[in-house]
Amino acid sequence: MVKLCCVCQKEKAALKRPKTSEQLCKECFYLALEEEVHQTIVQHNLFSPGERVAVAASGGKDSTVLAHILTTLNNRHNYGLDLFLLSIDEGISGYRDDSLETVKRNEQQYGIPLKILSYKELYGWTMDDIVRAIGHKNNCTFCGVFRRQALDRGAALMKADKMATGHNADDIAETVLLNILRGDVPRLGRCANIITGEDSAQPRVKPFKYTYEKEIVMYAFFKKLDYFSTECIYAPFAARGAAREFVKDLEMARPRAICDLIRSAEEFRLDVKEGQSMPTAGKCQRCGYISSQDVCKACVLLEGLNKGLPNLGISRTRGTKGGKAGLPAAVDAST
């Protein structure tokens, strides 16, 4: 028996939503997902009229769907946002060069200006150079730190008021899990925040915080959006992969598990003992960008590379502030 959409009761159901178990046709699914993102934006006051917003764009499914939906909602609900795409070229041959071609097509498809910055121009190194220098171990630590700062630099250069990233519910649940495994209490207390970097010139917002990756994939597939689906060639060596598989297993057993992980982090409150101080945001003495230490992680890592001692940079960014030595921080810089 053909199951009809539970909303319109006319069209054949195309999918079953994991969070609600609703069976929807394509058109009703589009509207449901877009409305969910709209409500997230409104309820959390992510944007204000007239703001210039950088959409962190990698060409992947998350950032492509984010650009599409933000453009749609900006027009539908008169947000009054000045949107532009911001991409980072890490210098990964056979991967990033191809994905940037997708972003360039998105620029034309959505009518949004595009700005591209590269690791080479910012740091004097490409990721391919870094991997040749350090091997595959720890390369994601370098990339995550550099990418995060590169996006901040790009947003500042383009005079953005905020930056929107494509982090979805699965990504955030993985980060929560990684911080639990590391025993990184300070990060656990803030990793599920929908707005981060409020003390910076360009706060980051996550409109997809409660949106499941499966639904983003289906939205892109049904809409036939132009996105790049190849995984980074260095990703198989990332520690996050194990957390991702675990979260997927949890979701199969209990679809609400992803939201439950996020809610757990939201409810977490750090009990700061009397006389105990928490890291506060300041500025790096070398590059001038936000850092909780005198010298930011990007400058520490870059110093190690330039001295031919890359492991020096790694050792100096681990285990000193909450978290256990020997485990890389759950750097949240994917798009």
Protein backbone atom coordinates (compact mmCIF):
# COMPACT_ATOMS: atom_id res chain seq x y z
CA MET A 1 0.00 0.00 0.00
CA VAL A 2 1.36 3.40 -1.02
CA LYS A 3 1.81 5.71 1.97
CA LEU A 4 0.73 9.29 1.47
CA CYS A 5 2.34 12.40 2.87
CA CYS A 6 1.01 12.96 6.38
CA VAL A 7 0.77 16.73 5.75
CA CYS A 8 -0.83 17.22 2.35
CA GLN A 9 -2.46 13.77 2.15
CA LYS A 10 -2.09 13.95 -1.63
CA GLU A 11 1.42 13.07 -2.73
CA LYS A 12 3.35 9.87 -2.12
CA ALA A 13 5.60 10.01 0.94
CA ALA A 14 9.26 10.32 -0.10
CA LEU A 15 10.94 9.93 3.30
CA LYS A 16 10.42 9.43 7.02
CA ARG A 17 11.91 12.14 9.23
CA PRO A 18 14.19 10.60 11.90
CA LYS A 19 13.26 13.01 14.70
CA THR A 20 9.49 13.08 14.26
CA SER A 21 8.76 9.89 12.26
CA GLU A 22 6.64 12.03 9.92
CA GLN A 23 6.30 10.63 6.41
CA LEU A 24 6.46 13.51 3.96
CA CYS A 25 6.42 14.11 0.23
CA LYS A 26 9.27 16.10 -1.28
CA GLU A 27 7.54 19.49 -1.30
CA CYS A 28 6.25 19.18 2.26
CA PHE A 29 9.71 18.02 3.36
CA TYR A 30 11.32 21.10 1.79
CA LEU A 31 8.92 23.39 3.62
CA ALA A 32 9.26 21.50 6.92
CA LEU A 33 13.07 21.64 6.89
CA GLU A 34 13.15 25.28 5.83
CA GLU A 35 10.63 26.20 8.53
CA GLU A 36 12.65 24.30 11.13
CA VAL A 37 15.76 26.30 10.23
CA HIS A 38 13.73 29.54 10.20
CA GLN A 39 12.40 28.83 13.69
CA THR A 40 15.94 28.10 14.90
CA ILE A 41 17.09 31.45 13.51
CA VAL A 42 14.17 33.37 15.03
CA GLN A 43 14.11 31.68 18.44
CA HIS A 44 17.84 32.16 18.97
CA ASN A 45 18.06 35.64 17.40
CA LEU A 46 20.86 34.53 15.10
CA PHE A 47 20.61 37.52 12.77
CA SER A 48 19.49 41.15 12.75
CA PRO A 49 18.27 43.14 9.73
CA GLY A 50 21.05 44.81 7.78
CA GLU A 51 23.80 42.47 8.94
CA ARG A 52 26.52 41.34 6.56
CA VAL A 53 26.83 37.56 6.92
CA ALA A 54 29.66 35.35 5.69
CA VAL A 55 28.49 31.85 4.76
CA ALA A 56 31.45 29.51 5.32
CA ALA A 57 31.46 27.52 2.07
CA SER A 58 33.46 24.40 1.27
CA GLY A 59 31.35 23.15 -1.63
CA GLY A 60 30.16 20.21 0.47
CA LYS A 61 26.55 19.29 1.17
CA ASP A 62 26.22 21.19 4.45
CA SER A 63 27.53 24.55 3.29
CA THR A 64 25.78 24.26 -0.09
CA VAL A 65 22.41 23.53 1.51
CA LEU A 66 23.06 26.30 4.06
CA ALA A 67 23.72 28.83 1.29
CA HIS A 68 20.58 27.68 -0.55
CA ILE A 69 18.31 27.78 2.51
CA LEU A 70 19.66 31.08 3.85
CA THR A 71 19.13 32.66 0.43
CA THR A 72 15.59 31.23 0.31
CA LEU A 73 14.68 32.36 3.85
CA ASN A 74 16.32 35.76 3.41
CA ASN A 75 13.97 36.40 0.50
CA ARG A 76 10.90 34.67 1.96
CA HIS A 77 11.01 36.31 5.39
CA ASN A 78 12.76 39.57 4.52
CA TYR A 79 15.68 39.06 6.89
CA GLY A 80 17.46 41.94 5.21
CA LEU A 81 20.82 40.16 5.26
CA ASP A 82 23.77 40.89 2.99
CA LEU A 83 25.06 37.37 2.30
CA PHE A 84 28.38 36.34 0.78
CA LEU A 85 30.31 33.09 0.46
CA LEU A 86 33.67 32.70 2.20
CA SER A 87 35.91 29.79 1.20
CA ILE A 88 39.33 28.65 2.37
CA ASP A 89 41.79 26.97 0.02
CA GLU A 90 43.84 24.71 2.27
CA GLY A 91 45.99 23.57 -0.64
CA ILE A 92 44.93 19.92 -0.88
CA SER A 93 45.52 18.77 -4.45
CA GLY A 94 42.78 16.65 -5.96
CA TYR A 95 40.31 17.71 -3.30
CA ARG A 96 40.04 21.38 -2.42
CA ASP A 97 40.85 22.62 -5.91
CA ASP A 98 37.90 20.57 -7.23
CA SER A 99 35.51 21.57 -4.43
CA LEU A 100 36.27 25.26 -4.98
CA GLU A 101 35.02 24.89 -8.54
CA THR A 102 31.69 23.85 -7.01
CA VAL A 103 31.68 26.93 -4.77
CA LYS A 104 32.35 29.13 -7.79
CA ARG A 105 29.29 27.62 -9.48
CA ASN A 106 27.26 28.22 -6.30
CA GLU A 107 28.27 31.87 -6.49
CA GLN A 108 26.54 32.12 -9.85
CA GLN A 109 23.59 29.88 -8.92
CA TYR A 110 22.63 31.82 -5.77
CA GLY A 111 23.82 35.25 -6.83
CA ILE A 112 26.04 35.55 -3.74
CA PRO A 113 29.55 37.11 -3.96
CA LEU A 114 32.48 34.81 -3.17
CA LYS A 115 35.78 35.48 -1.38
CA ILE A 116 38.54 32.84 -1.34
CA LEU A 117 41.58 32.92 0.97
CA SER A 118 44.38 30.36 0.95
CA TYR A 119 46.66 28.86 3.58
CA LYS A 120 49.55 29.66 1.25
CA GLU A 121 48.93 33.40 1.30
CA LEU A 122 48.07 33.49 5.01
CA TYR A 123 50.65 31.10 6.46
CA GLY A 124 53.13 30.36 3.68
CA TRP A 125 52.21 26.64 3.78
CA THR A 126 49.66 24.44 2.02
CA MET A 127 48.19 21.36 3.70
CA ASP A 128 50.05 19.20 1.19
CA ASP A 129 53.28 20.91 2.33
CA ILE A 130 52.38 20.30 5.97
CA VAL A 131 51.60 16.61 5.43
CA ARG A 132 54.92 16.18 3.64
CA ALA A 133 56.62 17.73 6.68
CA ILE A 134 54.77 15.92 9.48
CA GLY A 135 53.17 12.83 7.92
CA HIS A 136 49.51 11.90 8.29
CA LYS A 137 49.46 11.89 12.08
CA ASN A 138 48.14 15.15 13.56
CA ASN A 139 47.59 16.82 10.18
CA CYS A 140 43.93 17.47 11.06
CA THR A 141 45.06 19.39 14.15
CA PHE A 142 47.02 21.80 11.95
CA CYS A 143 44.21 22.10 9.42
CA GLY A 144 41.48 22.66 12.01
CA VAL A 145 43.39 25.42 13.80
CA PHE A 146 44.52 27.15 10.61
CA ARG A 147 41.11 26.88 8.96
CA ARG A 148 39.30 28.38 11.91
CA GLN A 149 41.61 31.38 12.01
CA ALA A 150 41.56 31.72 8.22
CA LEU A 151 37.75 31.98 8.29
CA ASP A 152 37.98 34.62 11.02
CA ARG A 153 40.51 36.57 8.96
CA GLY A 154 38.34 36.33 5.87
CA ALA A 155 35.24 37.49 7.72
CA ALA A 156 37.15 40.45 9.15
CA LEU A 157 38.63 41.31 5.76
CA MET A 158 35.15 41.33 4.20
CA LYS A 159 33.72 43.35 7.11
CA ALA A 160 31.20 40.67 8.06
CA ASP A 161 29.03 41.12 11.15
CA LYS A 162 28.58 37.37 11.61
CA MET A 163 29.61 34.07 10.09
CA ALA A 164 27.16 31.22 9.43
CA THR A 165 28.61 27.71 9.39
CA GLY A 166 27.08 24.46 8.20
CA HIS A 167 27.62 22.49 11.42
CA ASN A 168 24.68 20.11 11.71
CA ALA A 169 23.27 18.15 14.65
CA ASP A 170 25.50 15.15 13.89
CA ASP A 171 28.64 17.34 13.89
CA ILE A 172 27.77 18.87 17.24
CA ALA A 173 26.92 15.50 18.79
CA GLU A 174 30.32 14.20 17.63
CA THR A 175 32.07 17.18 19.21
CA VAL A 176 30.20 16.64 22.48
CA LEU A 177 31.28 12.99 22.48
CA LEU A 178 34.91 13.85 21.70
CA ASN A 179 35.06 16.34 24.54
CA ILE A 180 33.60 13.76 26.93
CA LEU A 181 36.23 11.23 25.83
CA ARG A 182 38.99 13.81 26.30
CA GLY A 183 37.68 14.93 29.67
CA ASP A 184 37.77 18.45 28.27
CA VAL A 185 35.39 20.12 30.71
CA PRO A 186 35.72 23.76 29.51
CA ARG A 187 34.99 22.81 25.89
CA LEU A 188 32.14 20.50 26.90
CA GLY A 189 30.46 23.46 28.53
CA ARG A 190 30.41 25.51 25.33
CA CYS A 191 30.69 23.13 22.35
CA ALA A 192 26.91 22.97 21.86
CA ASN A 193 26.40 26.74 21.86
CA ILE A 194 24.49 27.88 18.80
CA ILE A 195 26.42 31.18 18.84
CA THR A 196 30.14 31.15 19.53
CA GLY A 197 32.77 33.86 19.63
CA GLU A 198 30.39 36.51 20.95
CA ASP A 199 33.43 38.40 22.19
CA SER A 200 34.92 38.51 18.69
CA ALA A 201 34.18 40.97 15.91
CA GLN A 202 32.40 38.25 13.89
CA PRO A 203 30.43 35.78 16.05
CA ARG A 204 29.69 32.39 14.48
CA VAL A 205 26.15 31.03 14.24
CA LYS A 206 24.92 27.51 13.48
CA PRO A 207 21.47 27.56 11.82
CA PHE A 208 21.67 23.75 11.32
CA LYS A 209 22.31 22.99 15.00
CA TYR A 210 19.17 20.84 15.27
CA THR A 211 19.15 19.60 11.67
CA TYR A 212 20.14 15.98 11.05
CA GLU A 213 22.77 15.21 8.46
CA LYS A 214 20.46 12.67 6.79
CA GLU A 215 17.90 15.37 6.10
CA ILE A 216 20.51 17.74 4.70
CA VAL A 217 21.64 14.97 2.34
CA MET A 218 18.07 14.24 1.25
CA TYR A 219 17.31 17.94 0.76
CA ALA A 220 20.36 18.33 -1.48
CA PHE A 221 19.50 15.12 -3.36
CA PHE A 222 15.81 15.92 -3.94
CA LYS A 223 16.60 19.53 -4.91
CA LYS A 224 19.43 18.37 -7.18
CA LEU A 225 21.76 20.96 -5.65
CA ASP A 226 25.27 21.30 -7.00
CA TYR A 227 27.67 20.13 -4.28
CA PHE A 228 30.98 18.31 -3.93
CA SER A 229 30.64 14.90 -2.28
CA THR A 230 34.22 13.59 -2.14
CA GLU A 231 35.72 13.28 1.35
CA CYS A 232 39.00 15.02 2.16
CA ILE A 233 41.88 12.70 1.28
CA TYR A 234 43.33 13.19 4.78
CA ALA A 235 40.04 12.63 6.66
CA PRO A 236 40.51 8.84 7.19
CA PHE A 237 43.36 9.70 9.56
CA ALA A 238 41.21 12.00 11.74
CA ALA A 239 40.27 11.04 15.32
CA ARG A 240 36.77 12.40 14.69
CA GLY A 241 36.02 9.44 12.41
CA ALA A 242 35.64 7.05 15.35
CA ALA A 243 33.25 9.42 17.11
CA ARG A 244 31.27 9.79 13.89
CA GLU A 245 30.82 6.04 13.55
CA PHE A 246 29.73 5.75 17.18
CA VAL A 247 27.13 8.51 16.78
CA LYS A 248 25.80 6.80 13.63
CA ASP A 249 25.43 3.54 15.55
CA LEU A 250 23.56 5.34 18.32
CA GLU A 251 21.26 6.96 15.77
CA MET A 252 20.42 3.61 14.20
CA ALA A 253 19.39 2.24 17.59
CA ARG A 254 17.65 5.42 18.71
CA PRO A 255 17.19 8.34 16.28
CA ARG A 256 16.72 10.84 19.11
CA ALA A 257 20.19 10.04 20.48
CA ILE A 258 21.78 12.86 18.47
CA CYS A 259 19.48 15.49 19.95
CA ASP A 260 19.90 13.95 23.40
CA LEU A 261 23.69 14.36 23.21
CA ILE A 262 23.25 17.99 22.24
CA ARG A 263 20.72 18.61 25.02
CA SER A 264 23.10 17.03 27.53
CA ALA A 265 25.80 19.53 26.60
CA GLU A 266 23.29 22.40 26.68
CA GLU A 267 22.28 21.46 30.23
CA PHE A 268 25.87 21.09 31.36
CA ARG A 269 26.95 23.81 33.74
CA LEU A 270 30.56 24.13 34.85
CA ASP A 271 30.92 24.41 38.61
CA VAL A 272 33.76 26.88 39.02
CA LYS A 273 35.31 26.63 42.47
CA GLU A 274 36.04 29.74 44.48
CA GLY A 275 39.36 31.21 43.45
CA GLN A 276 39.47 29.14 40.25
CA SER A 277 39.76 31.14 37.04
CA MET A 278 38.58 30.11 33.59
CA PRO A 279 40.37 31.04 30.35
CA THR A 280 39.29 34.40 29.01
CA ALA A 281 39.54 35.65 25.46
CA GLY A 282 42.35 38.05 24.71
CA LYS A 283 44.53 38.75 21.70
CA CYS A 284 47.54 36.86 20.41
CA GLN A 285 50.71 38.90 20.96
CA ARG A 286 51.99 37.87 17.53
CA CYS A 287 49.10 37.97 15.05
CA GLY A 288 46.53 39.96 17.01
CA TYR A 289 43.71 37.45 16.66
CA ILE A 290 41.58 36.18 19.53
CA SER A 291 43.29 33.75 21.88
CA SER A 292 42.92 32.62 25.49
CA GLN A 293 46.72 32.46 25.71
CA ASP A 294 49.50 34.95 25.01
CA VAL A 295 50.30 33.20 21.72
CA CYS A 296 47.46 31.58 19.75
CA LYS A 297 47.49 27.96 18.60
CA ALA A 298 47.92 28.96 14.96
CA CYS A 299 51.10 30.90 15.73
CA VAL A 300 52.45 28.10 17.93
CA LEU A 301 51.88 25.51 15.19
CA LEU A 302 53.31 27.81 12.53
CA GLU A 303 56.42 28.41 14.63
CA GLY A 304 57.00 24.66 14.87
CA LEU A 305 56.63 24.24 11.11
CA ASN A 306 58.95 27.13 10.29
CA LYS A 307 61.60 25.82 12.69
CA GLY A 308 61.39 22.34 11.20
CA LEU A 309 60.02 21.06 14.52
CA PRO A 310 56.30 20.49 13.85
CA ASN A 311 55.88 18.22 16.88
CA LEU A 312 56.98 21.11 19.08
CA GLY A 313 53.88 23.00 18.03
CA ILE A 314 51.67 19.96 18.66
CA SER A 315 53.02 19.36 22.16
CA ARG A 316 52.53 23.00 23.12
CA THR A 317 48.85 22.98 22.10
CA ARG A 318 47.91 19.86 24.09
CA GLY A 319 47.03 19.05 27.62
CA THR A 320 47.75 22.42 29.17
CA LYS A 321 44.23 23.78 29.49
CA GLY A 322 41.60 21.20 30.49
CA GLY A 323 41.70 17.95 28.50
CA LYS A 324 44.17 15.12 28.66
CA ALA A 325 47.61 15.19 27.15
CA GLY A 326 48.04 13.05 24.09
CA LEU A 327 44.54 13.53 22.69
CA PRO A 328 43.96 16.23 20.07
CA ALA A 329 41.45 18.91 20.89
CA ALA A 330 38.06 18.62 19.24
CA VAL A 331 38.68 21.57 16.95
CA ASP A 332 35.34 22.55 15.47
CA ALA A 333 36.15 24.01 12.07
CA SER A 334 34.38 21.86 9.49
CA THR A 335 31.88 23.36 7.06
